[in-house]
Amino acid sequence: MMALALISLCLPLMTACSAGPPRIAFAELDFALADAGSGEKLFNQSNDEAPSCAACHSITGESSGIGNSLAGIASVAGQRVGGQSAEEYLYWSILRPGRHLVAGYSNIMYARYEDGLEAADVADLIAYLMTLS
């Protein structure tokens, strides 16, 4: 009986954490119009209650202690998951961070960035990350 009560209490939390497909589809991203400068600003600023990317990820090669360093990410992103381009890997890493975890890191990344971003913002962020080679 106690186990049933625990399951009924946890089920709404597990359902809330399981994410369906992103609201912004990868096909919606227009990299021809993406602005890496705007992406850099997004990377360094918080958006509403969402922390900035820079709060947890460095671009210098040294780990912040929270998230992995993104130095050189443009060079390795396309090799992390077979069949995915670097841009697609970064897309999933931003909008569904638990989908691809870097070895040694837990699934603690803020998972609601898409709530405050539009397709152009995501494309801009990816364009900026693609400059980090």
Foldseek 3Di string as FASTA:
>chain_A
DVVVVVCVVCVVVVVVPDDDDFPDDPVNADLVPAALVLLVVQQCCAFVPRHHVCVFEAQPQDGPVADYHLQCLLVCQCVQDPPDGSLRSQLCCQQPVVPRDDPPHDPPHDRPPSVRDDSSNSSNNSVNSNVRD
